[in-house]
Amino acid sequence: MPALPLILASILALALSRPLVSFLREGGHLRSNYRDQMLPCPLGLLIPAAALAALIPLALLAGLFDLNTLDLVGLPLILGVVALGIADDAFAGNSRGWRGHGGAAIGGAFSTGALKAFGTLGLALAWCAITQDGVVRFLLASLVIVLATNFFNLLDLRPGRSVKVFLLVGVGCTLGAWSFDSLFNLGLWVGPILVCGAFDLRERGILGDSGSNVIGVVAGIWLVLVLGTTGLAIAAAVLVLLTIYGEVRSINTLVESTPGLSDLDSLGRIAHRA
């Protein structure tokens, strides 16, 4: 029953989505989007909420009937990143980007962004130390996970952008491996990510760091699951270049000014009059 976590978590995400949006709105948990509209945030809470709720029946099936329904690939790493994202959503200051957070930390200020960066690095190193063989693969896998987590945060400037790139990564990984194994390994998270992404695309809420970061870390783990050492080296190099570009230039401007990319980026988004 390898697809059961994906199916069950998706159903629960759909069931929890509207109550979560109402809870955030009624509680005044709102943030201004790129059009200065106040939307519920962090919508990304839907992802861990659905995944953790799905663990209850999945664990019961596994424990009571000895069924193979539990696949907990990356669970401590992902939950750790979720917690760091929630902290950043709740307590973030004015610092932005690695330079901003690093400068704040060097200046003696406490930065939730710096906490998130160092915490993600520690979690990635710990998970990769346990799961990856060889020093080179251990270092490359850790780098890919950390940079992917940050990159998806950089992407989250327009509705649906993060989940579209996640979908491309997932399709590429599945086709490249010519197997659904990696999809089912991460099904507990993939289903809620896609549901949450659909709400994000239609501007029902804003992902927040607790959403974009978990999308990024799951994408990073997905790459680690399917790529060999050479593939990880290429992925790490691409992510390094994208991260540097995102720090010195604007990825948003690049996407919106590039034909093809801008069309894909706006696909499915609500059209607004100028």
C-alpha atoms as a PDB file:
ATOM      1  CA  MET A   1       0.000   0.000   0.000  1.00  0.00           C
ATOM      2  CA  PRO A   2       2.767   2.465  -0.891  1.00  0.00           C
ATOM      3  CA  ALA A   3       0.387   5.151  -2.193  1.00  0.00           C
ATOM      4  CA  LEU A   4      -1.780   5.229   0.950  1.00  0.00           C
ATOM      5  CA  PRO A   5       0.190   7.999   2.768  1.00  0.00           C
ATOM      6  CA  LEU A   6      -0.023  10.221  -0.323  1.00  0.00           C
ATOM      7  CA  ILE A   7      -3.770   9.631  -0.739  1.00  0.00           C
ATOM      8  CA  LEU A   8      -4.678   9.947   2.929  1.00  0.00           C
ATOM      9  CA  ALA A   9      -2.556  13.050   3.561  1.00  0.00           C
ATOM     10  CA  SER A  10      -4.048  14.722   0.471  1.00  0.00           C
ATOM     11  CA  ILE A  11      -7.607  14.030   1.648  1.00  0.00           C
ATOM     12  CA  LEU A  12      -6.842  15.396   5.099  1.00  0.00           C
ATOM     13  CA  ALA A  13      -5.206  18.489   3.611  1.00  0.00           C
ATOM     14  CA  LEU A  14      -8.358  19.176   1.618  1.00  0.00           C
ATOM     15  CA  ALA A  15     -10.492  18.672   4.729  1.00  0.00           C
ATOM     16  CA  LEU A  16      -8.326  20.960   6.883  1.00  0.00           C
ATOM     17  CA  SER A  17      -7.707  23.717   4.328  1.00  0.00           C
ATOM     18  CA  ARG A  18     -10.874  25.775   4.762  1.00  0.00           C
ATOM     19  CA  PRO A  19     -10.911  25.542   8.589  1.00  0.00           C
ATOM     20  CA  LEU A  20      -7.267  26.661   8.672  1.00  0.00           C
ATOM     21  CA  VAL A  21      -7.916  29.649   6.402  1.00  0.00           C
ATOM     22  CA  SER A  22     -10.873  30.659   8.584  1.00  0.00           C
ATOM     23  CA  PHE A  23      -8.831  30.189  11.767  1.00  0.00           C
ATOM     24  CA  LEU A  24      -6.010  32.400  10.496  1.00  0.00           C
ATOM     25  CA  ARG A  25      -8.342  35.102   9.224  1.00  0.00           C
ATOM     26  CA  GLU A  26     -10.494  35.213  12.343  1.00  0.00           C
ATOM     27  CA  GLY A  27      -7.406  35.272  14.546  1.00  0.00           C
ATOM     28  CA  GLY A  28      -5.991  38.251  12.697  1.00  0.00           C
ATOM     29  CA  HIS A  29      -3.051  36.266  11.335  1.00  0.00           C
ATOM     30  CA  LEU A  30      -2.803  38.248   8.105  1.00  0.00           C
ATOM     31  CA  ARG A  31       0.057  39.428   5.926  1.00  0.00           C
ATOM     32  CA  SER A  32       0.220  41.789   2.958  1.00  0.00           C
ATOM     33  CA  ASN A  33       0.844  40.081  -0.395  1.00  0.00           C
ATOM     34  CA  TYR A  34       2.481  41.500  -3.526  1.00  0.00           C
ATOM     35  CA  ARG A  35      -0.692  43.463  -4.319  1.00  0.00           C
ATOM     36  CA  ASP A  36      -0.986  44.807  -0.762  1.00  0.00           C
ATOM     37  CA  GLN A  37      -3.972  42.587  -0.014  1.00  0.00           C
ATOM     38  CA  MET A  38      -4.163  41.211   3.513  1.00  0.00           C
ATOM     39  CA  LEU A  39      -4.323  37.406   3.346  1.00  0.00           C
ATOM     40  CA  PRO A  40      -4.236  34.621   5.956  1.00  0.00           C
ATOM     41  CA  CYS A  41      -0.672  33.585   6.836  1.00  0.00           C
ATOM     42  CA  PRO A  42       1.012  31.164   7.337  1.00  0.00           C
ATOM     43  CA  LEU A  43      -1.015  28.941   5.038  1.00  0.00           C
ATOM     44  CA  GLY A  44       1.960  26.556   5.140  1.00  0.00           C
ATOM     45  CA  LEU A  45       0.723  25.243   8.497  1.00  0.00           C
ATOM     46  CA  LEU A  46      -1.619  23.091   6.422  1.00  0.00           C
ATOM     47  CA  ILE A  47       1.281  20.883   5.323  1.00  0.00           C
ATOM     48  CA  PRO A  48       2.460  19.601   8.732  1.00  0.00           C
ATOM     49  CA  ALA A  49      -1.118  19.590  10.059  1.00  0.00           C
ATOM     50  CA  ALA A  50      -2.291  17.192   7.339  1.00  0.00           C
ATOM     51  CA  ALA A  51       0.875  15.069   7.453  1.00  0.00           C
ATOM     52  CA  LEU A  52       0.760  14.635  11.230  1.00  0.00           C
ATOM     53  CA  ALA A  53      -2.974  13.907  11.202  1.00  0.00           C
ATOM     54  CA  ALA A  54      -2.391  11.238   8.552  1.00  0.00           C
ATOM     55  CA  LEU A  55       0.183   9.558  10.797  1.00  0.00           C
ATOM     56  CA  ILE A  56      -2.557   8.488  13.215  1.00  0.00           C
ATOM     57  CA  PRO A  57      -4.438   6.062  10.924  1.00  0.00           C
ATOM     58  CA  LEU A  58      -1.241   5.064   9.128  1.00  0.00           C
ATOM     59  CA  ALA A  59       0.484   4.136  12.379  1.00  0.00           C
ATOM     60  CA  LEU A  60      -2.614   2.285  13.620  1.00  0.00           C
ATOM     61  CA  LEU A  61      -2.739   0.238  10.427  1.00  0.00           C
ATOM     62  CA  ALA A  62       0.963  -0.531  10.696  1.00  0.00           C
ATOM     63  CA  GLY A  63       0.826  -1.448  14.384  1.00  0.00           C
ATOM     64  CA  LEU A  64      -2.456  -3.335  14.529  1.00  0.00           C
ATOM     65  CA  PHE A  65      -2.366  -5.197  11.235  1.00  0.00           C
ATOM     66  CA  ASP A  66       1.350  -5.262  10.435  1.00  0.00           C
ATOM     67  CA  LEU A  67       0.767  -3.383   7.191  1.00  0.00           C
ATOM     68  CA  ASN A  68       3.524  -1.478   5.396  1.00  0.00           C
ATOM     69  CA  THR A  69       1.831   1.908   5.608  1.00  0.00           C
ATOM     70  CA  LEU A  70       4.529   3.976   7.305  1.00  0.00           C
ATOM     71  CA  ASP A  71       7.318   5.588   5.311  1.00  0.00           C
ATOM     72  CA  LEU A  72       8.936   8.225   7.491  1.00  0.00           C
ATOM     73  CA  VAL A  73      11.738   9.339   5.174  1.00  0.00           C
ATOM     74  CA  GLY A  74      13.192  12.586   6.473  1.00  0.00           C
ATOM     75  CA  LEU A  75      10.523  13.038   9.172  1.00  0.00           C
ATOM     76  CA  PRO A  76      12.752  14.579  11.916  1.00  0.00           C
ATOM     77  CA  LEU A  77      14.492  16.823   9.366  1.00  0.00           C
ATOM     78  CA  ILE A  78      11.226  18.058   7.850  1.00  0.00           C
ATOM     79  CA  LEU A  79       9.529  18.642  11.203  1.00  0.00           C
ATOM     80  CA  GLY A  80      12.584  20.551  12.410  1.00  0.00           C
ATOM     81  CA  VAL A  81      12.458  22.825   9.368  1.00  0.00           C
ATOM     82  CA  VAL A  82       8.719  23.321   9.916  1.00  0.00           C
ATOM     83  CA  ALA A  83       9.368  24.452  13.487  1.00  0.00           C
ATOM     84  CA  LEU A  84      12.093  26.871  12.372  1.00  0.00           C
ATOM     85  CA  GLY A  85       9.790  28.285   9.688  1.00  0.00           C
ATOM     86  CA  ILE A  86       6.979  28.826  12.184  1.00  0.00           C
ATOM     87  CA  ALA A  87       9.389  30.650  14.501  1.00  0.00           C
ATOM     88  CA  ASP A  88      10.483  32.899  11.637  1.00  0.00           C
ATOM     89  CA  ASP A  89       6.871  33.573  10.637  1.00  0.00           C
ATOM     90  CA  ALA A  90       5.979  34.508  14.202  1.00  0.00           C
ATOM     91  CA  PHE A  91       9.023  36.506  15.282  1.00  0.00           C
ATOM     92  CA  ALA A  92      10.944  37.656  12.201  1.00  0.00           C
ATOM     93  CA  GLY A  93      12.428  41.150  12.336  1.00  0.00           C
ATOM     94  CA  ASN A  94      13.453  43.456   9.504  1.00  0.00           C
ATOM     95  CA  SER A  95      16.508  41.461   8.362  1.00  0.00           C
ATOM     96  CA  ARG A  96      16.139  39.753   4.993  1.00  0.00           C
ATOM     97  CA  GLY A  97      18.392  37.405   3.023  1.00  0.00           C
ATOM     98  CA  TRP A  98      21.541  35.658   4.190  1.00  0.00           C
ATOM     99  CA  ARG A  99      23.474  38.920   4.234  1.00  0.00           C
ATOM    100  CA  GLY A 100      20.847  40.621   6.360  1.00  0.00           C
ATOM    101  CA  HIS A 101      20.490  37.767   8.824  1.00  0.00           C
ATOM    102  CA  GLY A 102      24.240  37.181   8.957  1.00  0.00           C
ATOM    103  CA  GLY A 103      24.883  40.872   9.549  1.00  0.00           C
ATOM    104  CA  ALA A 104      22.317  40.956  12.348  1.00  0.00           C
ATOM    105  CA  ALA A 105      23.874  37.913  14.021  1.00  0.00           C
ATOM    106  CA  ILE A 106      27.416  39.312  13.705  1.00  0.00           C
ATOM    107  CA  GLY A 107      26.185  42.583  15.187  1.00  0.00           C
ATOM    108  CA  GLY A 108      25.017  40.739  18.285  1.00  0.00           C
ATOM    109  CA  ALA A 109      21.294  40.801  17.488  1.00  0.00           C
ATOM    110  CA  PHE A 110      19.134  37.706  17.708  1.00  0.00           C
ATOM    111  CA  SER A 111      17.752  36.805  14.294  1.00  0.00           C
ATOM    112  CA  THR A 112      15.132  34.140  13.667  1.00  0.00           C
ATOM    113  CA  GLY A 113      16.424  34.031  10.100  1.00  0.00           C
ATOM    114  CA  ALA A 114      19.908  33.171  11.357  1.00  0.00           C
ATOM    115  CA  LEU A 115      18.359  30.594  13.701  1.00  0.00           C
ATOM    116  CA  LYS A 116      16.551  29.091  10.726  1.00  0.00           C
ATOM    117  CA  ALA A 117      19.717  29.015   8.605  1.00  0.00           C
ATOM    118  CA  PHE A 118      21.924  27.424  11.272  1.00  0.00           C
ATOM    119  CA  GLY A 119      19.145  25.128  12.433  1.00  0.00           C
ATOM    120  CA  THR A 120      18.469  23.878   8.910  1.00  0.00           C
ATOM    121  CA  LEU A 121      22.187  23.268   8.396  1.00  0.00           C
ATOM    122  CA  GLY A 122      22.418  21.283  11.618  1.00  0.00           C
ATOM    123  CA  LEU A 123      19.336  19.216  10.810  1.00  0.00           C
ATOM    124  CA  ALA A 124      20.533  18.526   7.259  1.00  0.00           C
ATOM    125  CA  LEU A 125      23.999  17.484   8.428  1.00  0.00           C
ATOM    126  CA  ALA A 126      22.529  15.192  11.088  1.00  0.00           C
ATOM    127  CA  TRP A 127      20.111  13.505   8.672  1.00  0.00           C
ATOM    128  CA  CYS A 128      22.717  13.094   5.952  1.00  0.00           C
ATOM    129  CA  ALA A 129      25.291  11.739   8.424  1.00  0.00           C
ATOM    130  CA  ILE A 130      22.853   8.921   9.214  1.00  0.00           C
ATOM    131  CA  THR A 131      21.522   8.245   5.711  1.00  0.00           C
ATOM    132  CA  GLN A 132      24.364   8.981   3.253  1.00  0.00           C
ATOM    133  CA  ASP A 133      27.431   6.824   2.567  1.00  0.00           C
ATOM    134  CA  GLY A 134      30.808   8.455   1.954  1.00  0.00           C
ATOM    135  CA  VAL A 135      32.136  11.882   2.843  1.00  0.00           C
ATOM    136  CA  VAL A 136      31.568  13.424  -0.586  1.00  0.00           C
ATOM    137  CA  ARG A 137      27.946  12.334  -0.826  1.00  0.00           C
ATOM    138  CA  PHE A 138      27.322  13.359   2.788  1.00  0.00           C
ATOM    139  CA  LEU A 139      28.572  16.907   2.104  1.00  0.00           C
ATOM    140  CA  LEU A 140      26.823  17.262  -1.255  1.00  0.00           C
ATOM    141  CA  ALA A 141      23.492  15.974   0.062  1.00  0.00           C
ATOM    142  CA  SER A 142      23.652  18.362   3.024  1.00  0.00           C
ATOM    143  CA  LEU A 143      24.436  21.281   0.712  1.00  0.00           C
ATOM    144  CA  VAL A 144      21.579  20.441  -1.658  1.00  0.00           C
ATOM    145  CA  ILE A 145      19.052  20.227   1.185  1.00  0.00           C
ATOM    146  CA  VAL A 146      20.136  23.506   2.803  1.00  0.00           C
ATOM    147  CA  LEU A 147      20.260  25.429  -0.480  1.00  0.00           C
ATOM    148  CA  ALA A 148      16.964  23.977  -1.739  1.00  0.00           C
ATOM    149  CA  THR A 149      15.255  25.035   1.486  1.00  0.00           C
ATOM    150  CA  ASN A 150      16.548  28.584   1.057  1.00  0.00           C
ATOM    151  CA  PHE A 151      15.877  28.706  -2.687  1.00  0.00           C
ATOM    152  CA  PHE A 152      12.184  27.901  -2.336  1.00  0.00           C
ATOM    153  CA  ASN A 153      11.961  30.663   0.223  1.00  0.00           C
ATOM    154  CA  LEU A 154      13.423  33.047  -2.387  1.00  0.00           C
ATOM    155  CA  LEU A 155      10.860  31.837  -4.913  1.00  0.00           C
ATOM    156  CA  ASP A 156       7.876  32.580  -2.711  1.00  0.00           C
ATOM    157  CA  LEU A 157       7.198  36.105  -3.968  1.00  0.00           C
ATOM    158  CA  ARG A 158       4.226  35.309  -6.191  1.00  0.00           C
ATOM    159  CA  PRO A 159       1.230  32.979  -5.702  1.00  0.00           C
ATOM    160  CA  GLY A 160       1.873  29.379  -6.709  1.00  0.00           C
ATOM    161  CA  ARG A 161       5.478  29.888  -7.814  1.00  0.00           C
ATOM    162  CA  SER A 162       7.052  27.636  -5.190  1.00  0.00           C
ATOM    163  CA  VAL A 163       4.687  24.736  -5.742  1.00  0.00           C
ATOM    164  CA  LYS A 164       5.074  24.947  -9.537  1.00  0.00           C
ATOM    165  CA  VAL A 165       8.848  24.591  -9.244  1.00  0.00           C
ATOM    166  CA  PHE A 166       8.334  21.810  -6.688  1.00  0.00           C
ATOM    167  CA  LEU A 167       6.068  20.024  -9.145  1.00  0.00           C
ATOM    168  CA  LEU A 168       8.711  20.305 -11.873  1.00  0.00           C
ATOM    169  CA  VAL A 169      11.345  18.903  -9.508  1.00  0.00           C
ATOM    170  CA  GLY A 170       9.063  16.047  -8.532  1.00  0.00           C
ATOM    171  CA  VAL A 171       8.162  15.150 -12.101  1.00  0.00           C
ATOM    172  CA  GLY A 172      11.820  15.313 -13.089  1.00  0.00           C
ATOM    173  CA  CYS A 173      12.871  13.088 -10.189  1.00  0.00           C
ATOM    174  CA  THR A 174      10.112  10.559 -10.888  1.00  0.00           C
ATOM    175  CA  LEU A 175      10.815  10.385 -14.616  1.00  0.00           C
ATOM    176  CA  GLY A 176      14.581  10.390 -14.100  1.00  0.00           C
ATOM    177  CA  ALA A 177      14.404   7.463 -11.676  1.00  0.00           C
ATOM    178  CA  TRP A 178      11.700   5.829 -13.831  1.00  0.00           C
ATOM    179  CA  SER A 179      10.008   4.826 -10.582  1.00  0.00           C
ATOM    180  CA  PHE A 180       7.304   6.093  -8.227  1.00  0.00           C
ATOM    181  CA  ASP A 181       9.246   4.928  -5.172  1.00  0.00           C
ATOM    182  CA  SER A 182      10.590   8.364  -4.243  1.00  0.00           C
ATOM    183  CA  LEU A 183       7.131   9.916  -4.681  1.00  0.00           C
ATOM    184  CA  PHE A 184       5.607   7.358  -2.330  1.00  0.00           C
ATOM    185  CA  ASN A 185       8.536   7.744   0.106  1.00  0.00           C
ATOM    186  CA  LEU A 186       7.586  11.422   0.471  1.00  0.00           C
ATOM    187  CA  GLY A 187       3.853  11.027  -0.147  1.00  0.00           C
ATOM    188  CA  LEU A 188       2.990  12.093   3.391  1.00  0.00           C
ATOM    189  CA  TRP A 189       4.300  15.559   2.459  1.00  0.00           C
ATOM    190  CA  VAL A 190       3.790  15.757  -1.300  1.00  0.00           C
ATOM    191  CA  GLY A 191      -0.004  15.531  -1.120  1.00  0.00           C
ATOM    192  CA  PRO A 192      -0.428  18.378   1.407  1.00  0.00           C
ATOM    193  CA  ILE A 193       2.143  20.493  -0.464  1.00  0.00           C
ATOM    194  CA  LEU A 194       0.119  20.264  -3.679  1.00  0.00           C
ATOM    195  CA  VAL A 195      -3.148  21.070  -1.903  1.00  0.00           C
ATOM    196  CA  CYS A 196      -1.549  23.991  -0.078  1.00  0.00           C
ATOM    197  CA  GLY A 197       0.003  25.171  -3.334  1.00  0.00           C
ATOM    198  CA  ALA A 198      -3.387  25.238  -5.025  1.00  0.00           C
ATOM    199  CA  PHE A 199      -4.748  27.521  -2.285  1.00  0.00           C
ATOM    200  CA  ASP A 200      -1.622  29.675  -2.554  1.00  0.00           C
ATOM    201  CA  LEU A 201      -2.030  29.944  -6.332  1.00  0.00           C
ATOM    202  CA  ARG A 202      -5.621  31.124  -5.981  1.00  0.00           C
ATOM    203  CA  GLU A 203      -4.579  33.680  -3.344  1.00  0.00           C
ATOM    204  CA  ARG A 204      -6.530  32.123  -0.494  1.00  0.00           C
ATOM    205  CA  GLY A 205      -3.550  32.720   1.767  1.00  0.00           C
ATOM    206  CA  ILE A 206       0.215  33.229   1.944  1.00  0.00           C
ATOM    207  CA  LEU A 207       2.533  30.259   2.459  1.00  0.00           C
ATOM    208  CA  GLY A 208       4.886  31.962   4.888  1.00  0.00           C
ATOM    209  CA  ASP A 209       8.293  30.523   5.759  1.00  0.00           C
ATOM    210  CA  SER A 210       6.637  27.516   7.370  1.00  0.00           C
ATOM    211  CA  GLY A 211       5.255  26.690   3.919  1.00  0.00           C
ATOM    212  CA  SER A 212       8.036  27.654   1.507  1.00  0.00           C
ATOM    213  CA  ASN A 213      10.739  26.123   3.702  1.00  0.00           C
ATOM    214  CA  VAL A 214       9.015  22.776   4.049  1.00  0.00           C
ATOM    215  CA  ILE A 215       8.435  22.697   0.280  1.00  0.00           C
ATOM    216  CA  GLY A 216      12.137  23.374  -0.198  1.00  0.00           C
ATOM    217  CA  VAL A 217      13.375  20.757   2.242  1.00  0.00           C
ATOM    218  CA  VAL A 218      11.088  18.087   0.756  1.00  0.00           C
ATOM    219  CA  ALA A 219      12.359  19.017  -2.735  1.00  0.00           C
ATOM    220  CA  GLY A 220      15.933  18.747  -1.469  1.00  0.00           C
ATOM    221  CA  ILE A 221      15.321  15.320   0.082  1.00  0.00           C
ATOM    222  CA  TRP A 222      13.646  14.201  -3.146  1.00  0.00           C
ATOM    223  CA  LEU A 223      16.756  15.141  -5.110  1.00  0.00           C
ATOM    224  CA  VAL A 224      18.962  13.279  -2.630  1.00  0.00           C
ATOM    225  CA  LEU A 225      16.796  10.153  -2.905  1.00  0.00           C
ATOM    226  CA  VAL A 226      17.075   9.860  -6.688  1.00  0.00           C
ATOM    227  CA  LEU A 227      20.395  11.446  -7.708  1.00  0.00           C
ATOM    228  CA  GLY A 228      23.794   9.820  -7.746  1.00  0.00           C
ATOM    229  CA  THR A 229      26.875  11.613  -6.512  1.00  0.00           C
ATOM    230  CA  THR A 230      27.508  13.313  -9.866  1.00  0.00           C
ATOM    231  CA  GLY A 231      23.888  14.412 -10.091  1.00  0.00           C
ATOM    232  CA  LEU A 232      24.062  15.845  -6.581  1.00  0.00           C
ATOM    233  CA  ALA A 233      27.198  17.786  -7.512  1.00  0.00           C
ATOM    234  CA  ILE A 234      25.395  19.302 -10.511  1.00  0.00           C
ATOM    235  CA  ALA A 235      22.303  20.101  -8.422  1.00  0.00           C
ATOM    236  CA  ALA A 236      24.475  21.706  -5.726  1.00  0.00           C
ATOM    237  CA  ALA A 237      26.314  23.834  -8.310  1.00  0.00           C
ATOM    238  CA  VAL A 238      23.044  25.039  -9.842  1.00  0.00           C
ATOM    239  CA  LEU A 239      21.613  25.870  -6.416  1.00  0.00           C
ATOM    240  CA  VAL A 240      24.783  27.739  -5.430  1.00  0.00           C
ATOM    241  CA  LEU A 241      24.533  29.884  -8.569  1.00  0.00           C
ATOM    242  CA  LEU A 242      20.814  30.526  -8.028  1.00  0.00           C
ATOM    243  CA  THR A 243      21.416  31.439  -4.389  1.00  0.00           C
ATOM    244  CA  ILE A 244      24.168  33.904  -5.282  1.00  0.00           C
ATOM    245  CA  TYR A 245      21.987  35.406  -8.009  1.00  0.00           C
ATOM    246  CA  GLY A 246      19.092  35.723  -5.578  1.00  0.00           C
ATOM    247  CA  GLU A 247      21.284  37.574  -3.095  1.00  0.00           C
ATOM    248  CA  VAL A 248      22.723  40.115  -5.560  1.00  0.00           C
ATOM    249  CA  ARG A 249      19.906  40.399  -8.100  1.00  0.00           C
ATOM    250  CA  SER A 250      16.173  39.656  -8.209  1.00  0.00           C
ATOM    251  CA  ILE A 251      14.926  36.182  -9.137  1.00  0.00           C
ATOM    252  CA  ASN A 252      11.444  37.669  -9.324  1.00  0.00           C
ATOM    253  CA  THR A 253      12.547  40.184 -11.975  1.00  0.00           C
ATOM    254  CA  LEU A 254      14.323  37.419 -13.904  1.00  0.00           C
ATOM    255  CA  VAL A 255      11.209  35.236 -13.972  1.00  0.00           C
ATOM    256  CA  GLU A 256       8.826  38.026 -14.931  1.00  0.00           C
ATOM    257  CA  SER A 257      11.073  39.365 -17.697  1.00  0.00           C
ATOM    258  CA  THR A 258      11.852  36.001 -19.342  1.00  0.00           C
ATOM    259  CA  PRO A 259       9.398  34.791 -22.023  1.00  0.00           C
ATOM    260  CA  GLY A 260       8.191  31.294 -21.278  1.00  0.00           C
ATOM    261  CA  LEU A 261       9.105  31.522 -17.621  1.00  0.00           C
ATOM    262  CA  SER A 262       6.704  34.420 -17.111  1.00  0.00           C
ATOM    263  CA  ASP A 263       3.919  32.503 -18.890  1.00  0.00           C
ATOM    264  CA  LEU A 264       4.458  29.426 -16.735  1.00  0.00           C
ATOM    265  CA  ASP A 265       4.711  31.584 -13.633  1.00  0.00           C
ATOM    266  CA  SER A 266       1.350  33.274 -14.262  1.00  0.00           C
ATOM    267  CA  LEU A 267      -0.443  30.073 -15.314  1.00  0.00           C
ATOM    268  CA  GLY A 268      -3.507  29.509 -13.119  1.00  0.00           C
ATOM    269  CA  ARG A 269      -3.049  32.735 -11.190  1.00  0.00           C
ATOM    270  CA  ILE A 270      -6.018  35.047 -10.686  1.00  0.00           C
ATOM    271  CA  ALA A 271      -6.035  37.780 -13.317  1.00  0.00           C
ATOM    272  CA  HIS A 272      -6.223  41.315 -11.969  1.00  0.00           C
ATOM    273  CA  ARG A 273      -6.854  44.551 -13.756  1.00  0.00           C
ATOM    274  CA  ALA A 274      -4.028  47.065 -13.678  1.00  0.00           C
END
